[in-house]
PDB file of N, CA and C in Angstrom:
ATOM      1  N   UNK A   1       0.812   2.458  18.840  1.00  0.00           N
ATOM      2  CA  UNK A   1       0.993   2.452  17.256  1.00  0.00           C
ATOM      3  C   UNK A   1       0.098   1.420  16.906  1.00  0.00           C
ATOM      4  N   UNK A   2      -0.822   1.865  15.997  1.00  0.00           N
ATOM      5  CA  UNK A   2      -1.845   1.050  15.444  1.00  0.00           C
ATOM      6  C   UNK A   2      -0.967   0.187  14.610  1.00  0.00           C
ATOM      7  N   UNK A   3      -2.079  -1.019  14.166  1.00  0.00           N
ATOM      8  CA  UNK A   3      -1.400  -1.646  12.962  1.00  0.00           C
ATOM      9  C   UNK A   3      -1.180  -1.164  11.846  1.00  0.00           C
ATOM     10  N   UNK A   4      -2.194  -0.238  11.384  1.00  0.00           N
ATOM     11  CA  UNK A   4      -2.420   0.734  10.150  1.00  0.00           C
ATOM     12  C   UNK A   4      -1.254   1.612   9.869  1.00  0.00           C
ATOM     13  N   UNK A   5      -0.657   2.188  11.237  1.00  0.00           N
ATOM     14  CA  UNK A   5       0.343   3.269  11.082  1.00  0.00           C
ATOM     15  C   UNK A   5       1.392   2.112  11.132  1.00  0.00           C
ATOM     16  N   UNK A   6       1.740   1.248  11.694  1.00  0.00           N
ATOM     17  CA  UNK A   6       2.883   0.263  11.859  1.00  0.00           C
ATOM     18  C   UNK A   6       3.111  -0.196  10.218  1.00  0.00           C
ATOM     19  N   UNK A   7       1.899  -0.547   9.454  1.00  0.00           N
ATOM     20  CA  UNK A   7       1.791  -0.851   8.199  1.00  0.00           C
ATOM     21  C   UNK A   7       2.709   0.182   7.183  1.00  0.00           C
ATOM     22  N   UNK A   8       1.992   1.269   7.417  1.00  0.00           N
ATOM     23  CA  UNK A   8       2.415   2.651   6.794  1.00  0.00           C
ATOM     24  C   UNK A   8       3.843   2.580   6.889  1.00  0.00           C
ATOM     25  N   UNK A   9       4.312   2.914   8.242  1.00  0.00           N
ATOM     26  CA  UNK A   9       6.129   3.065   8.293  1.00  0.00           C
ATOM     27  C   UNK A   9       6.755   1.916   7.838  1.00  0.00           C
ATOM     28  N   UNK A  10       6.120   0.542   8.049  1.00  0.00           N
ATOM     29  CA  UNK A  10       6.847  -0.505   7.155  1.00  0.00           C
ATOM     30  C   UNK A  10       7.073  -0.523   5.681  1.00  0.00           C
ATOM     31  N   UNK A  11       6.071  -0.024   5.059  1.00  0.00           N
ATOM     32  CA  UNK A  11       5.943   0.262   3.664  1.00  0.00           C
ATOM     33  C   UNK A  11       6.776   1.253   3.548  1.00  0.00           C
ATOM     34  N   UNK A  12       6.648   2.562   4.119  1.00  0.00           N
ATOM     35  CA  UNK A  12       7.689   3.822   3.663  1.00  0.00           C
ATOM     36  C   UNK A  12       9.226   3.524   4.053  1.00  0.00           C
ATOM     37  N   UNK A  13       9.395   2.232   4.896  1.00  0.00           N
ATOM     38  CA  UNK A  13      10.727   1.964   5.102  1.00  0.00           C
ATOM     39  C   UNK A  13      11.155   1.368   4.303  1.00  0.00           C
ATOM     40  N   UNK A  14      10.421   0.310   3.407  1.00  0.00           N
ATOM     41  CA  UNK A  14      10.783  -0.704   2.213  1.00  0.00           C
ATOM     42  C   UNK A  14      11.315   0.298   1.328  1.00  0.00           C
ATOM     43  N   UNK A  15      10.327   1.369   1.009  1.00  0.00           N
ATOM     44  CA  UNK A  15      10.559   2.195  -0.116  1.00  0.00           C
ATOM     45  C   UNK A  15      11.560   2.677  -0.196  1.00  0.00           C
ATOM     46  N   UNK A  16      12.022   3.595   1.109  1.00  0.00           N
ATOM     47  CA  UNK A  16      13.414   4.230   1.185  1.00  0.00           C
ATOM     48  C   UNK A  16      14.558   2.942   1.000  1.00  0.00           C
ATOM     49  N   UNK A  17      14.539   2.314   1.613  1.00  0.00           N
ATOM     50  CA  UNK A  17      15.282   1.282   1.341  1.00  0.00           C
ATOM     51  C   UNK A  17      15.731   0.587   0.014  1.00  0.00           C
ATOM     52  N   UNK A  18      14.385   0.613  -0.892  1.00  0.00           N
ATOM     53  CA  UNK A  18      14.736   0.301  -2.417  1.00  0.00           C
ATOM     54  C   UNK A  18      15.185   1.490  -3.249  1.00  0.00           C
ATOM     55  N   UNK A  19      15.341   2.537  -2.525  1.00  0.00           N
ATOM     56  CA  UNK A  19      16.006   3.964  -3.067  1.00  0.00           C
ATOM     57  C   UNK A  19      17.262   4.129  -2.730  1.00  0.00           C
ATOM     58  N   UNK A  20      17.559   3.327  -1.860  1.00  0.00           N
ATOM     59  CA  UNK A  20      19.343   2.968  -1.419  1.00  0.00           C
ATOM     60  C   UNK A  20      19.704   3.848  -0.371  1.00  0.00           C
ATOM     61  N   UNK A  21      18.512   3.875   0.530  1.00  0.00           N
ATOM     62  CA  UNK A  21      18.964   4.454   1.959  1.00  0.00           C
ATOM     63  C   UNK A  21      19.404   3.178   2.661  1.00  0.00           C
ATOM     64  N   UNK A  22      20.099   3.723   3.861  1.00  0.00           N
ATOM     65  CA  UNK A  22      20.260   2.285   4.728  1.00  0.00           C
ATOM     66  C   UNK A  22      19.056   2.610   5.607  1.00  0.00           C
ATOM     67  N   UNK A  23      18.761   1.577   6.536  1.00  0.00           N
ATOM     68  CA  UNK A  23      18.104   1.301   7.495  1.00  0.00           C
ATOM     69  C   UNK A  23      17.784   2.796   8.357  1.00  0.00           C
ATOM     70  N   UNK A  24      18.999   2.937   8.738  1.00  0.00           N
ATOM     71  CA  UNK A  24      19.497   3.917  10.098  1.00  0.00           C
ATOM     72  C   UNK A  24      18.663   5.571   9.316  1.00  0.00           C
ATOM     73  N   UNK A  25      19.208   5.272   7.863  1.00  0.00           N
ATOM     74  CA  UNK A  25      18.760   6.718   7.445  1.00  0.00           C
ATOM     75  C   UNK A  25      17.597   6.700   6.849  1.00  0.00           C
ATOM     76  N   UNK A  26      16.804   5.858   6.759  1.00  0.00           N
ATOM     77  CA  UNK A  26      15.468   5.686   6.293  1.00  0.00           C
ATOM     78  C   UNK A  26      14.585   6.074   7.645  1.00  0.00           C
ATOM     79  N   UNK A  27      14.964   5.499   8.517  1.00  0.00           N
ATOM     80  CA  UNK A  27      14.081   5.375   9.954  1.00  0.00           C
ATOM     81  C   UNK A  27      14.241   6.936  10.405  1.00  0.00           C
ATOM     82  N   UNK A  28      15.626   7.617  10.140  1.00  0.00           N
ATOM     83  CA  UNK A  28      15.846   8.917  10.586  1.00  0.00           C
ATOM     84  C   UNK A  28      14.738   9.810   9.786  1.00  0.00           C
ATOM     85  N   UNK A  29      14.720   9.589   8.415  1.00  0.00           N
ATOM     86  CA  UNK A  29      13.967  10.378   7.635  1.00  0.00           C
ATOM     87  C   UNK A  29      12.484  10.168   8.181  1.00  0.00           C
ATOM     88  N   UNK A  30      12.017   9.112   8.526  1.00  0.00           N
ATOM     89  CA  UNK A  30      10.552   8.919   8.805  1.00  0.00           C
ATOM     90  C   UNK A  30      10.440   9.670  10.211  1.00  0.00           C
ATOM     91  N   UNK A  31      11.375   9.721  11.195  1.00  0.00           N
ATOM     92  CA  UNK A  31      11.267  10.458  12.520  1.00  0.00           C
ATOM     93  C   UNK A  31      11.045  11.934  12.101  1.00  0.00           C
ATOM     94  N   UNK A  32      11.803  12.535  11.112  1.00  0.00           N
ATOM     95  CA  UNK A  32      12.138  13.872  10.711  1.00  0.00           C
ATOM     96  C   UNK A  32      10.767  14.181  10.335  1.00  0.00           C
ATOM     97  N   UNK A  33      10.111  13.428   9.605  1.00  0.00           N
ATOM     98  CA  UNK A  33       8.725  13.961   8.974  1.00  0.00           C
ATOM     99  C   UNK A  33       7.554  14.041  10.135  1.00  0.00           C
ATOM    100  N   UNK A  34       7.783  12.855  10.647  1.00  0.00           N
ATOM    101  CA  UNK A  34       6.892  12.877  11.965  1.00  0.00           C
ATOM    102  C   UNK A  34       6.770  14.074  12.868  1.00  0.00           C
ATOM    103  N   UNK A  35       8.184  14.399  13.095  1.00  0.00           N
ATOM    104  CA  UNK A  35       8.243  15.833  14.231  1.00  0.00           C
ATOM    105  C   UNK A  35       7.780  16.758  13.318  1.00  0.00           C
ATOM    106  N   UNK A  36       7.774  16.971  12.240  1.00  0.00           N
ATOM    107  CA  UNK A  36       7.460  18.068  11.086  1.00  0.00           C
ATOM    108  C   UNK A  36       5.859  18.170  11.518  1.00  0.00           C
ATOM    109  N   UNK A  37       5.349  16.923  11.188  1.00  0.00           N
ATOM    110  CA  UNK A  37       4.178  17.145  10.919  1.00  0.00           C
ATOM    111  C   UNK A  37       3.146  17.514  12.403  1.00  0.00           C
ATOM    112  N   UNK A  38       4.139  17.058  13.256  1.00  0.00           N
ATOM    113  CA  UNK A  38       3.702  17.275  14.935  1.00  0.00           C
ATOM    114  C   UNK A  38       3.483  18.659  15.176  1.00  0.00           C
ATOM    115  N   UNK A  39       4.626  19.449  14.569  1.00  0.00           N
ATOM    116  CA  UNK A  39       5.019  20.856  14.705  1.00  0.00           C
ATOM    117  C   UNK A  39       3.617  21.626  13.950  1.00  0.00           C
ATOM    118  N   UNK A  40       3.664  21.005  12.807  1.00  0.00           N
ATOM    119  CA  UNK A  40       2.594  21.556  11.830  1.00  0.00           C
ATOM    120  C   UNK A  40       1.097  21.695  12.763  1.00  0.00           C
ATOM    121  N   UNK A  41       0.342  20.423  13.208  1.00  0.00           N
ATOM    122  CA  UNK A  41      -0.621  19.976  13.791  1.00  0.00           C
ATOM    123  C   UNK A  41      -0.673  21.090  15.299  1.00  0.00           C
ATOM    124  N   UNK A  42       0.459  20.992  16.107  1.00  0.00           N
ATOM    125  CA  UNK A  42       0.834  22.018  17.148  1.00  0.00           C
ATOM    126  C   UNK A  42       0.180  23.711  16.780  1.00  0.00           C
ATOM    127  N   UNK A  43       0.764  24.044  15.723  1.00  0.00           N
ATOM    128  CA  UNK A  43       0.742  25.147  15.282  1.00  0.00           C
ATOM    129  C   UNK A  43      -0.792  25.647  14.725  1.00  0.00           C
ATOM    130  N   UNK A  44      -1.493  24.685  14.208  1.00  0.00           N
ATOM    131  CA  UNK A  44      -2.856  24.864  13.762  1.00  0.00           C
ATOM    132  C   UNK A  44      -3.585  24.654  14.804  1.00  0.00           C
ATOM    133  N   UNK A  45      -3.257  24.091  15.912  1.00  0.00           N
ATOM    134  CA  UNK A  45      -4.279  23.907  17.477  1.00  0.00           C
ATOM    135  C   UNK A  45      -3.852  25.401  18.030  1.00  0.00           C
ATOM    136  N   UNK A  46      -2.884  26.126  18.133  1.00  0.00           N
ATOM    137  CA  UNK A  46      -2.634  27.091  18.564  1.00  0.00           C
ATOM    138  C   UNK A  46      -3.479  28.655  17.895  1.00  0.00           C
ATOM    139  N   UNK A  47      -4.141  28.332  16.875  1.00  0.00           N
ATOM    140  CA  UNK A  47      -4.957  29.280  16.323  1.00  0.00           C
ATOM    141  C   UNK A  47      -6.336  28.859  16.648  1.00  0.00           C
ATOM    142  N   UNK A  48      -6.506  27.995  17.173  1.00  0.00           N
ATOM    143  CA  UNK A  48      -8.189  27.809  17.800  1.00  0.00           C
ATOM    144  C   UNK A  48      -8.570  28.882  18.462  1.00  0.00           C
ATOM    145  N   UNK A  49      -9.982  29.154  18.370  1.00  0.00           N
ATOM    146  CA  UNK A  49     -10.549  30.335  19.183  1.00  0.00           C
ATOM    147  C   UNK A  49     -11.000  29.615  20.367  1.00  0.00           C
ATOM    148  N   UNK A  50     -10.605  30.461  21.549  1.00  0.00           N
ATOM    149  CA  UNK A  50     -11.177  30.036  22.933  1.00  0.00           C
ATOM    150  C   UNK A  50     -12.726  29.981  22.561  1.00  0.00           C
ATOM    151  N   UNK A  51     -13.391  28.989  23.607  1.00  0.00           N
ATOM    152  CA  UNK A  51     -14.588  28.904  24.014  1.00  0.00           C
ATOM    153  C   UNK A  51     -15.205  30.152  24.040  1.00  0.00           C
ATOM    154  N   UNK A  52     -16.710  30.263  24.334  1.00  0.00           N
ATOM    155  CA  UNK A  52     -17.173  31.612  24.274  1.00  0.00           C
ATOM    156  C   UNK A  52     -17.899  31.334  25.544  1.00  0.00           C
ATOM    157  N   UNK A  53     -17.933  32.623  26.265  1.00  0.00           N
ATOM    158  CA  UNK A  53     -18.648  32.419  27.732  1.00  0.00           C
ATOM    159  C   UNK A  53     -19.903  32.303  27.819  1.00  0.00           C
ATOM    160  N   UNK A  54     -20.416  31.261  28.874  1.00  0.00           N
ATOM    161  CA  UNK A  54     -21.665  31.243  28.734  1.00  0.00           C
ATOM    162  C   UNK A  54     -22.502  32.132  29.561  1.00  0.00           C
ATOM    163  N   UNK A  55     -23.789  32.602  29.451  1.00  0.00           N
ATOM    164  CA  UNK A  55     -24.038  33.547  30.277  1.00  0.00           C
ATOM    165  C   UNK A  55     -24.356  32.661  31.692  1.00  0.00           C
ATOM    166  N   UNK A  56     -24.113  33.689  33.005  1.00  0.00           N
ATOM    167  CA  UNK A  56     -24.165  33.264  34.059  1.00  0.00           C
ATOM    168  C   UNK A  56     -23.259  32.583  34.869  1.00  0.00           C
ATOM    169  N   UNK A  57     -22.032  32.355  34.058  1.00  0.00           N
ATOM    170  CA  UNK A  57     -20.941  31.529  34.231  1.00  0.00           C
ATOM    171  C   UNK A  57     -19.689  32.671  34.610  1.00  0.00           C
ATOM    172  N   UNK A  58     -18.809  32.398  35.435  1.00  0.00           N
ATOM    173  CA  UNK A  58     -17.547  33.178  35.674  1.00  0.00           C
ATOM    174  C   UNK A  58     -16.612  32.999  34.728  1.00  0.00           C
ATOM    175  N   UNK A  59     -16.016  34.208  34.519  1.00  0.00           N
ATOM    176  CA  UNK A  59     -15.051  33.866  33.764  1.00  0.00           C
ATOM    177  C   UNK A  59     -13.879  32.985  33.794  1.00  0.00           C
ATOM    178  N   UNK A  60     -13.237  32.194  32.810  1.00  0.00           N
ATOM    179  CA  UNK A  60     -12.182  31.401  33.279  1.00  0.00           C
ATOM    180  C   UNK A  60     -11.036  32.468  33.535  1.00  0.00           C
ATOM    181  N   UNK A  61     -10.027  31.562  34.460  1.00  0.00           N
ATOM    182  CA  UNK A  61      -9.052  32.580  35.078  1.00  0.00           C
ATOM    183  C   UNK A  61      -7.773  32.274  34.089  1.00  0.00           C
ATOM    184  N   UNK A  62      -7.208  33.385  33.865  1.00  0.00           N
ATOM    185  CA  UNK A  62      -5.891  33.153  32.867  1.00  0.00           C
ATOM    186  C   UNK A  62      -4.477  32.749  33.206  1.00  0.00           C
TER     187      UNK A  62
END
């Protein structure tokens, strides 16, 4: 984890604790958000168009 990521997570954790969440609830909330973000990114990646075939090359095995 980079320093910037750690700083963002720490800031969010402090904000959630200020809103009345326990540290465990806040950490679970952050992990759920990260999992949802990962799922969204994977879904976006699945819509990518495969690379076009270059003339003179064999097709890729499927």
